[in-house]
Amino acid sequence: MRRTNKQRIAQYVARYIRHPAVANTRLHRYDGEVVTFWYEDREGKRHFVTIEVQEFIKALIQHIPDRNFKMIRYYGAYSRKTKRRYSRYLQRSLRQATFEDFVTKANKWSAELNV
């Protein structure tokens, strides 16, 4: 069975509903024609906005990411590029020293000092 364009759009939007741009708790009123929601400014003051349903949906779908768009990215030491570049050095630095390491180093030092 072939999916219609409307079904695809509905499924695409449904995936995004898990984390909407406007939480349900911020929706104040909906009467079928207009939507009223609120937001807080930097000072913590609530502002209520009333717009038409189509304008609300238009604003809402701008927040839907493209398919396969990565929403979570890692920066700094956790980035993939950094991990690849420094993983060998990190693994070496985390390796525990063994008794043989100390004996080998002691032998090298004594040979260099002619002891």
N, C-alpha and C. Protein backbone atom coordinates (compact mmCIF):
# COMPACT_ATOMS: atom_id res chain seq x y z
N MET A 1 0.83 -1.18 0.00
CA MET A 1 0.00 0.00 0.00
C MET A 1 0.88 1.24 0.00
N ARG A 2 0.61 2.14 -0.89
CA ARG A 2 1.42 3.35 -1.02
C ARG A 2 0.90 4.44 -0.07
N ARG A 3 1.83 5.10 0.58
CA ARG A 3 1.45 6.16 1.50
C ARG A 3 1.18 7.45 0.75
N THR A 4 0.20 8.18 1.21
CA THR A 4 -0.07 9.48 0.60
C THR A 4 0.86 10.52 1.21
N ASN A 5 0.93 11.66 0.56
CA ASN A 5 1.77 12.74 1.05
C ASN A 5 1.32 13.19 2.44
N LYS A 6 0.00 13.22 2.67
CA LYS A 6 -0.53 13.64 3.97
C LYS A 6 -0.09 12.68 5.07
N GLN A 7 -0.07 11.39 4.76
CA GLN A 7 0.36 10.40 5.75
C GLN A 7 1.83 10.58 6.09
N ARG A 8 2.64 10.85 5.09
CA ARG A 8 4.08 11.08 5.33
C ARG A 8 4.29 12.30 6.21
N ILE A 9 3.58 13.36 5.90
CA ILE A 9 3.71 14.59 6.68
C ILE A 9 3.27 14.33 8.12
N ALA A 10 2.18 13.61 8.29
CA ALA A 10 1.68 13.32 9.64
C ALA A 10 2.69 12.50 10.43
N GLN A 11 3.31 11.51 9.80
CA GLN A 11 4.32 10.70 10.49
C GLN A 11 5.56 11.53 10.82
N TYR A 12 5.94 12.40 9.91
CA TYR A 12 7.10 13.26 10.13
C TYR A 12 6.86 14.18 11.32
N VAL A 13 5.68 14.77 11.37
CA VAL A 13 5.34 15.66 12.48
C VAL A 13 5.22 14.87 13.78
N ALA A 14 4.67 13.68 13.71
CA ALA A 14 4.50 12.85 14.91
C ALA A 14 5.84 12.52 15.56
N ARG A 15 6.87 12.30 14.76
CA ARG A 15 8.20 12.04 15.32
C ARG A 15 8.69 13.24 16.12
N TYR A 16 8.35 14.42 15.68
CA TYR A 16 8.83 15.63 16.33
C TYR A 16 8.04 15.98 17.58
N ILE A 17 6.84 15.48 17.69
CA ILE A 17 5.97 15.85 18.80
C ILE A 17 6.55 15.43 20.15
N ARG A 18 7.45 14.48 20.15
CA ARG A 18 8.06 14.07 21.42
C ARG A 18 8.70 15.24 22.15
N HIS A 19 9.28 16.16 21.41
CA HIS A 19 9.93 17.33 21.99
C HIS A 19 9.50 18.57 21.21
N PRO A 20 8.31 19.05 21.45
CA PRO A 20 7.81 20.17 20.65
C PRO A 20 8.50 21.49 20.98
N ALA A 21 8.40 22.43 20.05
CA ALA A 21 8.96 23.76 20.26
C ALA A 21 8.17 24.51 21.33
N VAL A 22 6.88 24.25 21.42
CA VAL A 22 6.02 24.85 22.44
C VAL A 22 5.40 23.70 23.24
N ALA A 23 5.70 23.66 24.53
CA ALA A 23 5.16 22.59 25.37
C ALA A 23 3.66 22.76 25.55
N ASN A 24 2.98 21.65 25.75
CA ASN A 24 1.53 21.69 25.95
C ASN A 24 1.13 22.56 27.13
N THR A 25 1.99 22.64 28.13
CA THR A 25 1.67 23.46 29.30
C THR A 25 1.66 24.95 28.98
N ARG A 26 2.29 25.34 27.88
CA ARG A 26 2.31 26.75 27.48
C ARG A 26 1.12 27.14 26.61
N LEU A 27 0.38 26.15 26.16
CA LEU A 27 -0.81 26.44 25.37
C LEU A 27 -1.92 26.86 26.33
N HIS A 28 -2.44 28.06 26.13
CA HIS A 28 -3.43 28.61 27.05
C HIS A 28 -4.86 28.38 26.56
N ARG A 29 -5.08 28.63 25.27
CA ARG A 29 -6.43 28.52 24.73
C ARG A 29 -6.38 28.19 23.25
N TYR A 30 -7.34 27.36 22.83
CA TYR A 30 -7.50 27.02 21.42
C TYR A 30 -8.99 26.88 21.15
N ASP A 31 -9.49 27.63 20.16
CA ASP A 31 -10.92 27.57 19.87
C ASP A 31 -11.22 27.10 18.45
N GLY A 32 -10.22 26.54 17.78
CA GLY A 32 -10.42 26.08 16.41
C GLY A 32 -10.00 27.10 15.37
N GLU A 33 -9.91 28.36 15.76
CA GLU A 33 -9.50 29.42 14.83
C GLU A 33 -8.23 30.12 15.27
N VAL A 34 -8.06 30.30 16.57
CA VAL A 34 -6.86 30.96 17.09
C VAL A 34 -6.26 30.13 18.22
N VAL A 35 -4.96 30.32 18.42
CA VAL A 35 -4.22 29.66 19.50
C VAL A 35 -3.62 30.74 20.38
N THR A 36 -3.78 30.59 21.68
CA THR A 36 -3.15 31.51 22.62
C THR A 36 -2.14 30.71 23.43
N PHE A 37 -0.90 31.18 23.47
CA PHE A 37 0.15 30.54 24.25
C PHE A 37 0.94 31.62 24.96
N TRP A 38 1.78 31.21 25.89
CA TRP A 38 2.56 32.18 26.64
C TRP A 38 4.04 31.81 26.59
N TYR A 39 4.86 32.84 26.84
CA TYR A 39 6.30 32.65 26.97
C TYR A 39 6.81 33.60 28.03
N GLU A 40 7.98 33.32 28.56
CA GLU A 40 8.59 34.18 29.57
C GLU A 40 9.75 34.94 28.95
N ASP A 41 9.85 36.23 29.27
CA ASP A 41 10.98 37.02 28.80
C ASP A 41 12.15 36.83 29.76
N ARG A 42 13.22 37.57 29.54
CA ARG A 42 14.43 37.40 30.36
C ARG A 42 14.20 37.75 31.82
N GLU A 43 13.27 38.64 32.07
CA GLU A 43 12.98 39.03 33.45
C GLU A 43 12.01 38.07 34.14
N GLY A 44 11.51 37.07 33.42
CA GLY A 44 10.59 36.10 33.99
C GLY A 44 9.13 36.51 33.89
N LYS A 45 8.85 37.58 33.15
CA LYS A 45 7.47 38.05 32.99
C LYS A 45 6.79 37.26 31.86
N ARG A 46 5.56 36.81 32.12
CA ARG A 46 4.81 36.05 31.11
C ARG A 46 4.15 36.99 30.11
N HIS A 47 4.25 36.58 28.85
CA HIS A 47 3.59 37.31 27.76
C HIS A 47 2.70 36.32 27.03
N PHE A 48 1.45 36.72 26.80
CA PHE A 48 0.50 35.88 26.08
C PHE A 48 0.41 36.35 24.64
N VAL A 49 0.43 35.39 23.72
CA VAL A 49 0.36 35.69 22.29
C VAL A 49 -0.82 34.91 21.71
N THR A 50 -1.64 35.60 20.92
CA THR A 50 -2.77 34.96 20.24
C THR A 50 -2.58 35.11 18.74
N ILE A 51 -2.54 33.97 18.03
CA ILE A 51 -2.38 34.00 16.58
C ILE A 51 -3.32 32.97 15.95
N GLU A 52 -3.53 33.11 14.66
CA GLU A 52 -4.39 32.17 13.94
C GLU A 52 -3.73 30.80 13.89
N VAL A 53 -4.55 29.77 13.79
CA VAL A 53 -4.07 28.39 13.81
C VAL A 53 -3.04 28.15 12.71
N GLN A 54 -3.33 28.62 11.50
CA GLN A 54 -2.39 28.38 10.38
C GLN A 54 -1.05 29.06 10.63
N GLU A 55 -1.07 30.26 11.21
CA GLU A 55 0.19 30.95 11.53
C GLU A 55 0.95 30.19 12.62
N PHE A 56 0.22 29.67 13.59
CA PHE A 56 0.85 28.89 14.66
C PHE A 56 1.52 27.65 14.10
N ILE A 57 0.81 26.94 13.24
CA ILE A 57 1.37 25.72 12.63
C ILE A 57 2.57 26.08 11.76
N LYS A 58 2.48 27.18 11.02
CA LYS A 58 3.59 27.61 10.18
C LYS A 58 4.83 27.89 11.02
N ALA A 59 4.63 28.55 12.16
CA ALA A 59 5.76 28.84 13.05
C ALA A 59 6.29 27.55 13.69
N LEU A 60 5.39 26.65 14.02
CA LEU A 60 5.78 25.41 14.68
C LEU A 60 6.59 24.50 13.77
N ILE A 61 6.19 24.37 12.52
CA ILE A 61 6.89 23.43 11.62
C ILE A 61 8.27 23.93 11.21
N GLN A 62 8.56 25.19 11.47
CA GLN A 62 9.93 25.67 11.20
C GLN A 62 10.94 25.00 12.12
N HIS A 63 10.46 24.47 13.25
CA HIS A 63 11.34 23.82 14.21
C HIS A 63 11.52 22.34 13.95
N ILE A 64 10.84 21.81 12.95
CA ILE A 64 10.99 20.39 12.63
C ILE A 64 12.29 20.21 11.85
N PRO A 65 13.22 19.41 12.37
CA PRO A 65 14.50 19.23 11.68
C PRO A 65 14.34 18.41 10.41
N ASP A 66 15.27 18.60 9.49
CA ASP A 66 15.28 17.79 8.28
C ASP A 66 15.55 16.33 8.64
N ARG A 67 15.16 15.46 7.74
CA ARG A 67 15.36 14.03 7.97
C ARG A 67 16.86 13.75 8.12
N ASN A 68 17.20 12.91 9.07
CA ASN A 68 18.58 12.51 9.38
C ASN A 68 19.44 13.66 9.89
N PHE A 69 18.83 14.75 10.34
CA PHE A 69 19.58 15.87 10.91
C PHE A 69 19.96 15.53 12.34
N LYS A 70 21.23 15.67 12.68
CA LYS A 70 21.68 15.34 14.03
C LYS A 70 21.31 16.48 14.97
N MET A 71 20.51 16.17 15.96
CA MET A 71 20.09 17.19 16.92
C MET A 71 21.12 17.36 18.04
N ILE A 72 21.85 16.30 18.36
CA ILE A 72 22.82 16.36 19.44
C ILE A 72 24.21 16.28 18.83
N ARG A 73 25.02 17.23 19.19
CA ARG A 73 26.40 17.24 18.69
C ARG A 73 27.34 17.30 19.87
N TYR A 74 28.53 16.81 19.67
CA TYR A 74 29.52 16.82 20.73
C TYR A 74 30.66 17.75 20.33
N TYR A 75 31.12 18.52 21.28
CA TYR A 75 32.18 19.49 21.04
C TYR A 75 33.35 19.21 21.96
N GLY A 76 34.46 19.83 21.67
CA GLY A 76 35.62 19.73 22.54
C GLY A 76 36.20 18.34 22.59
N ALA A 77 36.53 17.90 23.80
CA ALA A 77 37.16 16.59 23.98
C ALA A 77 36.23 15.45 23.61
N TYR A 78 34.93 15.70 23.57
CA TYR A 78 33.97 14.65 23.26
C TYR A 78 33.65 14.53 21.78
N SER A 79 34.16 15.42 20.95
CA SER A 79 33.85 15.36 19.52
C SER A 79 34.49 14.12 18.90
N ARG A 80 33.88 13.61 17.86
CA ARG A 80 34.41 12.41 17.20
C ARG A 80 35.81 12.65 16.64
N LYS A 81 36.00 13.82 16.05
CA LYS A 81 37.29 14.13 15.45
C LYS A 81 38.39 14.12 16.51
N THR A 82 38.12 14.73 17.65
CA THR A 82 39.11 14.76 18.73
C THR A 82 39.35 13.37 19.29
N LYS A 83 38.29 12.61 19.46
CA LYS A 83 38.46 11.25 19.98
C LYS A 83 39.33 10.42 19.06
N ARG A 84 39.08 10.53 17.75
CA ARG A 84 39.89 9.77 16.78
C ARG A 84 41.34 10.21 16.83
N ARG A 85 41.56 11.51 16.89
CA ARG A 85 42.91 12.04 16.83
C ARG A 85 43.73 11.67 18.06
N TYR A 86 43.11 11.71 19.25
CA TYR A 86 43.86 11.54 20.48
C TYR A 86 43.62 10.22 21.20
N SER A 87 42.84 9.33 20.62
CA SER A 87 42.52 8.08 21.33
C SER A 87 43.76 7.26 21.63
N ARG A 88 44.71 7.21 20.69
CA ARG A 88 45.92 6.43 20.91
C ARG A 88 46.72 6.99 22.10
N TYR A 89 46.83 8.31 22.17
CA TYR A 89 47.57 8.94 23.27
C TYR A 89 46.84 8.76 24.60
N LEU A 90 45.52 8.86 24.56
CA LEU A 90 44.75 8.68 25.79
C LEU A 90 44.85 7.26 26.30
N GLN A 91 44.81 6.29 25.39
CA GLN A 91 44.92 4.90 25.82
C GLN A 91 46.29 4.63 26.43
N ARG A 92 47.33 5.21 25.84
CA ARG A 92 48.68 5.03 26.39
C ARG A 92 48.80 5.67 27.77
N SER A 93 48.21 6.86 27.92
CA SER A 93 48.34 7.56 29.19
C SER A 93 47.54 6.88 30.30
N LEU A 94 46.51 6.14 29.93
CA LEU A 94 45.70 5.45 30.93
C LEU A 94 46.25 4.07 31.28
N ARG A 95 47.25 3.62 30.54
CA ARG A 95 47.82 2.29 30.79
C ARG A 95 48.57 2.30 32.12
N GLN A 96 48.37 1.27 32.92
CA GLN A 96 49.05 1.20 34.20
C GLN A 96 50.48 0.73 34.01
N ALA A 97 51.36 1.30 34.80
CA ALA A 97 52.76 0.89 34.75
C ALA A 97 52.90 -0.48 35.42
N THR A 98 53.79 -1.28 34.88
CA THR A 98 54.05 -2.62 35.43
C THR A 98 55.43 -2.64 36.06
N PHE A 99 55.72 -3.69 36.77
CA PHE A 99 57.04 -3.83 37.39
C PHE A 99 58.14 -3.84 36.34
N GLU A 100 57.86 -4.48 35.20
CA GLU A 100 58.86 -4.54 34.12
C GLU A 100 59.19 -3.14 33.60
N ASP A 101 58.20 -2.25 33.59
CA ASP A 101 58.46 -0.88 33.14
C ASP A 101 59.50 -0.21 34.03
N PHE A 102 59.38 -0.42 35.34
CA PHE A 102 60.33 0.20 36.27
C PHE A 102 61.71 -0.41 36.14
N VAL A 103 61.78 -1.72 35.98
CA VAL A 103 63.07 -2.41 35.85
C VAL A 103 63.76 -1.94 34.58
N THR A 104 63.02 -1.87 33.47
CA THR A 104 63.60 -1.44 32.20
C THR A 104 64.12 -0.02 32.29
N LYS A 105 63.34 0.87 32.89
CA LYS A 105 63.77 2.27 33.03
C LYS A 105 64.97 2.37 33.95
N ALA A 106 64.97 1.60 35.04
CA ALA A 106 66.10 1.64 35.97
C ALA A 106 67.37 1.17 35.27
N ASN A 107 67.28 0.13 34.44
CA ASN A 107 68.44 -0.36 33.71
C ASN A 107 68.95 0.69 32.72
N LYS A 108 68.04 1.41 32.06
CA LYS A 108 68.45 2.46 31.12
C LYS A 108 69.15 3.59 31.85
N TRP A 109 68.60 3.98 33.01
CA TRP A 109 69.20 5.08 33.77
C TRP A 109 70.59 4.69 34.28
N SER A 110 70.70 3.47 34.78
CA SER A 110 72.00 3.06 35.31
C SER A 110 73.04 2.96 34.19
N ALA A 111 72.61 2.56 33.00
CA ALA A 111 73.54 2.48 31.88
C ALA A 111 73.97 3.88 31.44
N GLU A 112 73.05 4.83 31.46
CA GLU A 112 73.38 6.19 31.06
C GLU A 112 74.27 6.88 32.08
N LEU A 113 74.10 6.54 33.35
CA LEU A 113 74.89 7.16 34.41
C LEU A 113 76.19 6.40 34.69
N ASN A 114 76.37 5.27 33.99
CA ASN A 114 77.54 4.40 34.19
C ASN A 114 77.67 3.97 35.65
N VAL A 115 76.55 3.52 36.20
CA VAL A 115 76.56 3.08 37.60
C VAL A 115 76.82 1.60 37.67
